[in-house]
Structures are given as C-alpha cells and as structure tokens.
Amino acid sequence: MEQYELAVLYHPDLEIDLEKATAKVEKQISASEGKIVKVDNWGNRKMAYKIAKQEHAVYVIYTLELPTSGVKKLNDSLNITDEVIRFLITRPDLKKIEKAETLRVEKAAKQAARGEHANDDDEKTDEDEDERPRRRSNRDDK
C-alpha cells in the first residue's frame, strides 16, 4: 500500500449538503481497495480560473493508503462523478515532509530559547530609556 494525496474540488452548491458527496467519494476510495488516513476540508474557496462555469469550489484533501492498481480504478470512477469538478491524485515526497517537520520543530525550539532571553530585555523600565542620550537631528540645530 502506497500513500497518496487526493485533492477534490466539489461543486460549490454542495457546500450545504457536502456529506452525501464526500460519502460517495469515500465509497469509491474503499471500492478501489484504499483506506482514508486523513481528511482536510478547506471549505469554499475561489479558484484561479473558471471551471464548468464556476468561480468557487469546495476543496477537500484526502490522505490515502492505496495500492498502485487502485489508482487507475479511482481515477476512472472520479472522472464520471457529477459532484466532483476537478481532482488530482499525487504521491507525496515523504522524505521532504519529514525534513520540513524536523526543521519546523528545530525552529520552534530556537524561538522558545530566544523567547526566554527576550524576556530579560523586557524588564527594562522607562527610566532606563530616559538615561540614554538622545540623537541630535538637523532640526535641533535650527
């Protein structure tokens, strides 16, 4: 079983009753011997260009575990589904995702370390600011 991402653009009129359309797509995924790992609903968004005379679509991203033989079967079944305006099946680069996650964790740790030092600087009072010499500007000379 390989991991895939499926991005589905649903017709914008289905935003109110999206459960039936998603159930239909999920049924097609399971018929293709796939398993849904994660579902991410982005909601109604404006598309870059009109598709089927529509400017908006409901974006739903599925993370799937699917055998390679099931990809063609899923592709063929989504092509004839009326509720789906567009879809895209991709294989994510798991190494890049893992590397990005470790970088994000390291960055958060560095920010937390800086945050502790930044609190020491915040303890300065207004009196300390008054003691610093002021810069002279050209306006002061006139």
N, C-alpha and C. Protein backbone atom coordinates (compact mmCIF):
# COMPACT_ATOMS: atom_id res chain seq x y z
N MET A 1 0.84 -1.18 0.00
CA MET A 1 0.00 0.00 0.00
C MET A 1 0.89 1.24 0.00
N GLU A 2 0.65 2.08 -0.95
CA GLU A 2 1.38 3.34 -1.09
C GLU A 2 0.54 4.48 -0.53
N GLN A 3 1.20 5.54 -0.14
CA GLN A 3 0.49 6.72 0.36
C GLN A 3 0.28 7.71 -0.78
N TYR A 4 -0.94 8.24 -0.88
CA TYR A 4 -1.29 9.21 -1.92
C TYR A 4 -2.07 10.35 -1.28
N GLU A 5 -2.09 11.48 -1.97
CA GLU A 5 -2.94 12.59 -1.60
C GLU A 5 -3.93 12.81 -2.74
N LEU A 6 -5.19 12.99 -2.37
CA LEU A 6 -6.24 13.22 -3.34
C LEU A 6 -6.87 14.57 -3.03
N ALA A 7 -6.74 15.51 -3.96
CA ALA A 7 -7.38 16.82 -3.82
C ALA A 7 -8.64 16.80 -4.68
N VAL A 8 -9.78 17.08 -4.05
CA VAL A 8 -11.06 17.05 -4.75
C VAL A 8 -11.70 18.43 -4.66
N LEU A 9 -12.14 18.94 -5.81
CA LEU A 9 -12.89 20.19 -5.87
C LEU A 9 -14.35 19.83 -6.12
N TYR A 10 -15.18 20.05 -5.09
CA TYR A 10 -16.60 19.76 -5.21
C TYR A 10 -17.35 20.98 -5.72
N HIS A 11 -18.49 20.74 -6.34
CA HIS A 11 -19.35 21.81 -6.83
C HIS A 11 -19.73 22.72 -5.66
N PRO A 12 -19.69 24.06 -5.82
CA PRO A 12 -19.93 24.97 -4.68
C PRO A 12 -21.34 24.89 -4.12
N ASP A 13 -22.32 24.44 -4.90
CA ASP A 13 -23.68 24.31 -4.39
C ASP A 13 -23.79 23.18 -3.37
N LEU A 14 -22.81 22.31 -3.30
CA LEU A 14 -22.82 21.19 -2.37
C LEU A 14 -22.29 21.55 -0.99
N GLU A 15 -21.91 22.81 -0.79
CA GLU A 15 -21.32 23.21 0.49
C GLU A 15 -22.27 22.93 1.65
N ILE A 16 -23.56 23.13 1.44
CA ILE A 16 -24.54 22.92 2.50
C ILE A 16 -24.71 21.43 2.79
N ASP A 17 -24.78 20.63 1.74
CA ASP A 17 -25.00 19.20 1.90
C ASP A 17 -23.81 18.42 1.35
N LEU A 18 -22.65 18.65 1.92
CA LEU A 18 -21.42 18.04 1.42
C LEU A 18 -21.27 16.59 1.85
N GLU A 19 -22.00 16.17 2.88
CA GLU A 19 -21.83 14.82 3.42
C GLU A 19 -22.12 13.74 2.39
N LYS A 20 -23.17 13.94 1.58
CA LYS A 20 -23.53 12.93 0.57
C LYS A 20 -22.43 12.80 -0.48
N ALA A 21 -21.90 13.94 -0.93
CA ALA A 21 -20.86 13.92 -1.95
C ALA A 21 -19.58 13.29 -1.40
N THR A 22 -19.20 13.65 -0.18
CA THR A 22 -17.98 13.07 0.39
C THR A 22 -18.16 11.58 0.65
N ALA A 23 -19.36 11.18 1.05
CA ALA A 23 -19.63 9.76 1.27
C ALA A 23 -19.49 8.99 -0.03
N LYS A 24 -19.93 9.60 -1.13
CA LYS A 24 -19.83 8.95 -2.44
C LYS A 24 -18.37 8.78 -2.85
N VAL A 25 -17.54 9.81 -2.63
CA VAL A 25 -16.12 9.71 -2.96
C VAL A 25 -15.42 8.71 -2.04
N GLU A 26 -15.76 8.73 -0.76
CA GLU A 26 -15.15 7.79 0.19
C GLU A 26 -15.53 6.35 -0.16
N LYS A 27 -16.73 6.15 -0.66
CA LYS A 27 -17.16 4.82 -1.10
C LYS A 27 -16.33 4.38 -2.31
N GLN A 28 -16.04 5.31 -3.22
CA GLN A 28 -15.22 4.99 -4.39
C GLN A 28 -13.79 4.67 -3.97
N ILE A 29 -13.30 5.35 -2.94
CA ILE A 29 -11.95 5.07 -2.44
C ILE A 29 -11.89 3.67 -1.86
N SER A 30 -12.88 3.31 -1.06
CA SER A 30 -12.89 1.97 -0.47
C SER A 30 -13.12 0.90 -1.54
N ALA A 31 -13.88 1.21 -2.60
CA ALA A 31 -14.06 0.26 -3.71
C ALA A 31 -12.76 0.05 -4.47
N SER A 32 -11.87 1.03 -4.42
CA SER A 32 -10.55 0.91 -5.07
C SER A 32 -9.53 0.29 -4.14
N GLU A 33 -10.01 -0.35 -3.06
CA GLU A 33 -9.18 -1.03 -2.07
C GLU A 33 -8.30 -0.06 -1.29
N GLY A 34 -8.76 1.19 -1.14
CA GLY A 34 -7.99 2.20 -0.43
C GLY A 34 -8.51 2.43 0.97
N LYS A 35 -7.69 3.12 1.75
CA LYS A 35 -8.04 3.45 3.13
C LYS A 35 -7.74 4.92 3.35
N ILE A 36 -8.69 5.66 3.91
CA ILE A 36 -8.50 7.08 4.16
C ILE A 36 -7.78 7.26 5.49
N VAL A 37 -6.66 7.96 5.45
CA VAL A 37 -5.86 8.21 6.64
C VAL A 37 -6.27 9.54 7.29
N LYS A 38 -6.49 10.55 6.45
CA LYS A 38 -6.78 11.88 6.97
C LYS A 38 -7.63 12.64 5.96
N VAL A 39 -8.56 13.46 6.46
CA VAL A 39 -9.40 14.30 5.61
C VAL A 39 -9.23 15.74 6.08
N ASP A 40 -8.94 16.64 5.14
CA ASP A 40 -8.75 18.05 5.46
C ASP A 40 -9.68 18.87 4.58
N ASN A 41 -10.74 19.43 5.18
CA ASN A 41 -11.73 20.21 4.43
C ASN A 41 -11.33 21.68 4.50
N TRP A 42 -11.00 22.26 3.35
CA TRP A 42 -10.59 23.66 3.28
C TRP A 42 -11.76 24.60 3.11
N GLY A 43 -12.92 24.07 2.78
CA GLY A 43 -14.11 24.90 2.62
C GLY A 43 -14.21 25.50 1.23
N ASN A 44 -15.13 26.45 1.09
CA ASN A 44 -15.40 27.08 -0.20
C ASN A 44 -14.36 28.15 -0.48
N ARG A 45 -13.66 28.02 -1.60
CA ARG A 45 -12.61 28.97 -1.97
C ARG A 45 -12.73 29.33 -3.44
N LYS A 46 -12.19 30.49 -3.75
CA LYS A 46 -12.19 30.94 -5.14
C LYS A 46 -11.09 30.21 -5.90
N MET A 47 -11.43 29.76 -7.11
CA MET A 47 -10.47 29.06 -7.94
C MET A 47 -9.68 30.07 -8.77
N ALA A 48 -8.57 29.65 -9.30
CA ALA A 48 -7.72 30.53 -10.10
C ALA A 48 -8.40 30.90 -11.42
N TYR A 49 -9.21 30.01 -11.94
CA TYR A 49 -9.94 30.26 -13.18
C TYR A 49 -11.25 29.48 -13.14
N LYS A 50 -12.18 29.86 -14.00
CA LYS A 50 -13.48 29.21 -14.02
C LYS A 50 -13.37 27.78 -14.56
N ILE A 51 -14.08 26.88 -13.90
CA ILE A 51 -14.18 25.51 -14.34
C ILE A 51 -15.67 25.18 -14.35
N ALA A 52 -16.18 24.73 -15.46
CA ALA A 52 -17.59 24.38 -15.61
C ALA A 52 -18.49 25.56 -15.20
N LYS A 53 -18.11 26.74 -15.60
CA LYS A 53 -18.83 27.99 -15.33
C LYS A 53 -18.92 28.32 -13.84
N GLN A 54 -18.01 27.80 -13.04
CA GLN A 54 -17.99 28.05 -11.60
C GLN A 54 -16.71 28.77 -11.23
N GLU A 55 -16.82 29.78 -10.36
CA GLU A 55 -15.64 30.50 -9.89
C GLU A 55 -15.16 30.00 -8.54
N HIS A 56 -16.02 29.31 -7.79
CA HIS A 56 -15.68 28.80 -6.47
C HIS A 56 -15.86 27.29 -6.45
N ALA A 57 -15.21 26.65 -5.48
CA ALA A 57 -15.36 25.21 -5.27
C ALA A 57 -15.08 24.91 -3.81
N VAL A 58 -15.57 23.78 -3.36
CA VAL A 58 -15.28 23.30 -2.00
C VAL A 58 -14.09 22.37 -2.11
N TYR A 59 -12.98 22.74 -1.45
CA TYR A 59 -11.73 21.99 -1.52
C TYR A 59 -11.68 20.99 -0.36
N VAL A 60 -11.45 19.71 -0.68
CA VAL A 60 -11.26 18.67 0.33
C VAL A 60 -10.02 17.87 -0.07
N ILE A 61 -9.09 17.72 0.88
CA ILE A 61 -7.83 17.00 0.64
C ILE A 61 -7.87 15.70 1.46
N TYR A 62 -7.69 14.59 0.77
CA TYR A 62 -7.67 13.28 1.42
C TYR A 62 -6.24 12.74 1.40
N THR A 63 -5.81 12.16 2.51
CA THR A 63 -4.57 11.40 2.54
C THR A 63 -4.97 9.93 2.55
N LEU A 64 -4.49 9.18 1.57
CA LEU A 64 -4.94 7.80 1.36
C LEU A 64 -3.79 6.81 1.41
N GLU A 65 -4.13 5.59 1.76
CA GLU A 65 -3.25 4.45 1.54
C GLU A 65 -3.96 3.61 0.49
N LEU A 66 -3.30 3.44 -0.65
CA LEU A 66 -3.96 2.85 -1.81
C LEU A 66 -2.95 2.00 -2.57
N PRO A 67 -3.36 0.81 -3.01
CA PRO A 67 -2.45 0.03 -3.85
C PRO A 67 -2.32 0.71 -5.22
N THR A 68 -1.21 0.48 -5.88
CA THR A 68 -0.98 1.14 -7.16
C THR A 68 -2.02 0.72 -8.20
N SER A 69 -2.56 -0.47 -8.07
CA SER A 69 -3.59 -0.91 -9.01
C SER A 69 -4.91 -0.16 -8.77
N GLY A 70 -5.12 0.36 -7.57
CA GLY A 70 -6.36 1.06 -7.25
C GLY A 70 -6.38 2.50 -7.73
N VAL A 71 -5.22 3.04 -8.10
CA VAL A 71 -5.15 4.44 -8.53
C VAL A 71 -5.92 4.64 -9.84
N LYS A 72 -5.72 3.76 -10.79
CA LYS A 72 -6.43 3.88 -12.07
C LYS A 72 -7.93 3.68 -11.86
N LYS A 73 -8.29 2.75 -11.04
CA LYS A 73 -9.70 2.48 -10.76
C LYS A 73 -10.36 3.71 -10.12
N LEU A 74 -9.67 4.33 -9.16
CA LEU A 74 -10.19 5.53 -8.51
C LEU A 74 -10.26 6.69 -9.49
N ASN A 75 -9.24 6.83 -10.32
CA ASN A 75 -9.20 7.89 -11.33
C ASN A 75 -10.39 7.77 -12.28
N ASP A 76 -10.66 6.56 -12.75
CA ASP A 76 -11.77 6.34 -13.67
C ASP A 76 -13.13 6.62 -13.02
N SER A 77 -13.28 6.24 -11.76
CA SER A 77 -14.57 6.45 -11.09
C SER A 77 -14.79 7.92 -10.75
N LEU A 78 -13.73 8.67 -10.43
CA LEU A 78 -13.90 10.09 -10.12
C LEU A 78 -14.17 10.91 -11.38
N ASN A 79 -13.71 10.43 -12.53
CA ASN A 79 -13.95 11.13 -13.79
C ASN A 79 -15.43 11.22 -14.13
N ILE A 80 -16.22 10.27 -13.72
CA ILE A 80 -17.64 10.26 -14.07
C ILE A 80 -18.54 10.70 -12.91
N THR A 81 -17.96 11.19 -11.84
CA THR A 81 -18.75 11.64 -10.70
C THR A 81 -19.19 13.09 -10.93
N ASP A 82 -20.50 13.33 -10.86
CA ASP A 82 -21.05 14.65 -11.15
C ASP A 82 -20.70 15.70 -10.10
N GLU A 83 -20.58 15.31 -8.85
CA GLU A 83 -20.32 16.26 -7.77
C GLU A 83 -18.91 16.82 -7.80
N VAL A 84 -18.01 16.11 -8.45
CA VAL A 84 -16.60 16.49 -8.48
C VAL A 84 -16.32 17.33 -9.73
N ILE A 85 -15.83 18.58 -9.50
CA ILE A 85 -15.46 19.43 -10.62
C ILE A 85 -14.08 19.03 -11.15
N ARG A 86 -13.11 18.91 -10.26
CA ARG A 86 -11.74 18.51 -10.61
C ARG A 86 -11.18 17.68 -9.45
N PHE A 87 -10.17 16.88 -9.76
CA PHE A 87 -9.46 16.13 -8.73
C PHE A 87 -8.03 15.92 -9.18
N LEU A 88 -7.16 15.64 -8.23
CA LEU A 88 -5.76 15.37 -8.52
C LEU A 88 -5.24 14.34 -7.53
N ILE A 89 -4.65 13.29 -8.04
CA ILE A 89 -4.06 12.24 -7.20
C ILE A 89 -2.55 12.36 -7.32
N THR A 90 -1.86 12.54 -6.18
CA THR A 90 -0.40 12.66 -6.19
C THR A 90 0.21 11.78 -5.11
N ARG A 91 1.48 11.46 -5.30
CA ARG A 91 2.24 10.77 -4.26
C ARG A 91 3.10 11.82 -3.57
N PRO A 92 2.92 12.00 -2.27
CA PRO A 92 3.74 13.00 -1.57
C PRO A 92 5.17 12.49 -1.40
N ASP A 93 6.10 13.46 -1.35
CA ASP A 93 7.51 13.14 -1.12
C ASP A 93 7.69 13.05 0.40
N LEU A 94 7.65 11.86 0.94
CA LEU A 94 7.67 11.65 2.39
C LEU A 94 8.97 12.12 3.03
N LYS A 95 10.08 12.02 2.29
CA LYS A 95 11.37 12.47 2.83
C LYS A 95 11.36 13.98 3.03
N LYS A 96 10.82 14.71 2.06
CA LYS A 96 10.76 16.16 2.18
C LYS A 96 9.81 16.58 3.30
N ILE A 97 8.71 15.87 3.45
CA ILE A 97 7.75 16.18 4.52
C ILE A 97 8.40 15.97 5.87
N GLU A 98 9.13 14.87 6.02
CA GLU A 98 9.82 14.57 7.28
C GLU A 98 10.88 15.62 7.58
N LYS A 99 11.63 16.03 6.56
CA LYS A 99 12.67 17.04 6.74
C LYS A 99 12.05 18.38 7.13
N ALA A 100 10.95 18.75 6.50
CA ALA A 100 10.26 20.01 6.83
C ALA A 100 9.74 19.98 8.26
N GLU A 101 9.26 18.84 8.69
CA GLU A 101 8.75 18.71 10.06
C GLU A 101 9.88 18.86 11.08
N THR A 102 11.04 18.25 10.83
CA THR A 102 12.15 18.39 11.76
C THR A 102 12.67 19.83 11.79
N LEU A 103 12.70 20.49 10.63
CA LEU A 103 13.11 21.90 10.60
C LEU A 103 12.14 22.78 11.38
N ARG A 104 10.85 22.47 11.27
CA ARG A 104 9.84 23.25 11.99
C ARG A 104 10.00 23.08 13.51
N VAL A 105 10.28 21.86 13.94
CA VAL A 105 10.48 21.60 15.36
C VAL A 105 11.73 22.33 15.87
N GLU A 106 12.82 22.27 15.08
CA GLU A 106 14.06 22.96 15.46
C GLU A 106 13.84 24.47 15.53
N LYS A 107 13.11 25.02 14.59
CA LYS A 107 12.84 26.45 14.58
C LYS A 107 12.02 26.86 15.80
N ALA A 108 11.04 26.03 16.15
CA ALA A 108 10.22 26.33 17.33
C ALA A 108 11.07 26.28 18.60
N ALA A 109 12.01 25.34 18.66
CA ALA A 109 12.88 25.25 19.83
C ALA A 109 13.79 26.47 19.93
N LYS A 110 14.32 26.93 18.78
CA LYS A 110 15.16 28.13 18.78
C LYS A 110 14.37 29.36 19.20
N GLN A 111 13.13 29.47 18.72
CA GLN A 111 12.30 30.62 19.10
C GLN A 111 11.98 30.59 20.59
N ALA A 112 11.77 29.40 21.13
CA ALA A 112 11.49 29.29 22.56
C ALA A 112 12.72 29.71 23.36
N ALA A 113 13.90 29.32 22.88
CA ALA A 113 15.13 29.71 23.58
C ALA A 113 15.33 31.22 23.50
N ARG A 114 15.04 31.82 22.35
CA ARG A 114 15.16 33.28 22.22
C ARG A 114 14.11 33.98 23.06
N GLY A 115 12.96 33.38 23.18
CA GLY A 115 11.88 33.97 23.97
C GLY A 115 12.27 34.13 25.43
N GLU A 116 13.03 33.18 25.96
CA GLU A 116 13.48 33.29 27.35
C GLU A 116 14.45 34.45 27.51
N HIS A 117 15.35 34.64 26.54
CA HIS A 117 16.31 35.73 26.62
C HIS A 117 15.63 37.07 26.36
N ALA A 118 14.63 37.07 25.51
CA ALA A 118 13.93 38.32 25.19
C ALA A 118 13.18 38.84 26.41
N ASN A 119 12.74 37.95 27.29
CA ASN A 119 12.03 38.39 28.49
C ASN A 119 12.95 39.17 29.42
N ASP A 120 14.25 38.82 29.43
CA ASP A 120 15.20 39.55 30.27
C ASP A 120 15.32 40.99 29.79
N ASP A 121 15.28 41.22 28.50
CA ASP A 121 15.38 42.57 27.95
C ASP A 121 14.13 43.37 28.23
N ASP A 122 12.99 42.72 28.33
CA ASP A 122 11.74 43.42 28.56
C ASP A 122 11.63 44.00 29.96
N GLU A 123 12.50 43.58 30.88
CA GLU A 123 12.43 44.06 32.25
C GLU A 123 12.97 45.47 32.42
N LYS A 124 13.49 46.06 31.37
CA LYS A 124 13.98 47.44 31.45
C LYS A 124 12.80 48.35 31.71
N THR A 125 13.06 49.39 32.46
CA THR A 125 11.99 50.32 32.78
C THR A 125 12.07 51.55 31.89
N ASP A 126 11.10 52.41 32.01
CA ASP A 126 11.08 53.65 31.24
C ASP A 126 12.21 54.57 31.68
N GLU A 127 12.63 54.46 32.93
CA GLU A 127 13.72 55.30 33.42
C GLU A 127 15.01 55.00 32.68
N ASP A 128 15.23 53.72 32.34
CA ASP A 128 16.43 53.34 31.61
C ASP A 128 16.45 54.01 30.24
N GLU A 129 15.29 54.15 29.62
CA GLU A 129 15.23 54.78 28.31
C GLU A 129 15.56 56.27 28.41
N ASP A 130 15.18 56.91 29.50
CA ASP A 130 15.45 58.34 29.68
C ASP A 130 16.93 58.60 29.87
N GLU A 131 17.66 57.66 30.42
CA GLU A 131 19.07 57.83 30.68
C GLU A 131 19.91 57.75 29.41
N ARG A 132 19.39 57.15 28.36
CA ARG A 132 20.15 57.05 27.12
C ARG A 132 20.24 58.43 26.47
N PRO A 133 21.38 58.75 25.87
CA PRO A 133 21.49 60.05 25.20
C PRO A 133 20.63 60.07 23.95
N ARG A 134 20.04 61.22 23.71
CA ARG A 134 19.20 61.39 22.53
C ARG A 134 20.06 61.70 21.33
N ARG A 135 19.62 61.26 20.20
CA ARG A 135 20.30 61.61 18.97
C ARG A 135 19.89 63.02 18.58
N ARG A 136 20.83 63.71 18.04
CA ARG A 136 20.51 65.05 17.56
C ARG A 136 20.13 64.97 16.10
N SER A 137 19.16 65.70 15.72
CA SER A 137 18.78 65.74 14.32
C SER A 137 19.09 67.13 13.76
N ASN A 138 18.97 67.27 12.50
CA ASN A 138 19.21 68.56 11.87
C ASN A 138 18.21 69.61 12.34
N ARG A 139 17.06 69.21 12.72
CA ARG A 139 16.04 70.14 13.19
C ARG A 139 16.45 70.80 14.50
N ASP A 140 17.20 70.04 15.34
CA ASP A 140 17.62 70.61 16.64
C ASP A 140 18.59 71.75 16.44
N ASP A 141 19.38 71.71 15.37
CA ASP A 141 20.38 72.75 15.13
C ASP A 141 19.74 74.08 14.69
N LYS A 142 18.60 74.03 14.09
CA LYS A 142 17.98 75.25 13.54
C LYS A 142 17.26 76.04 14.56
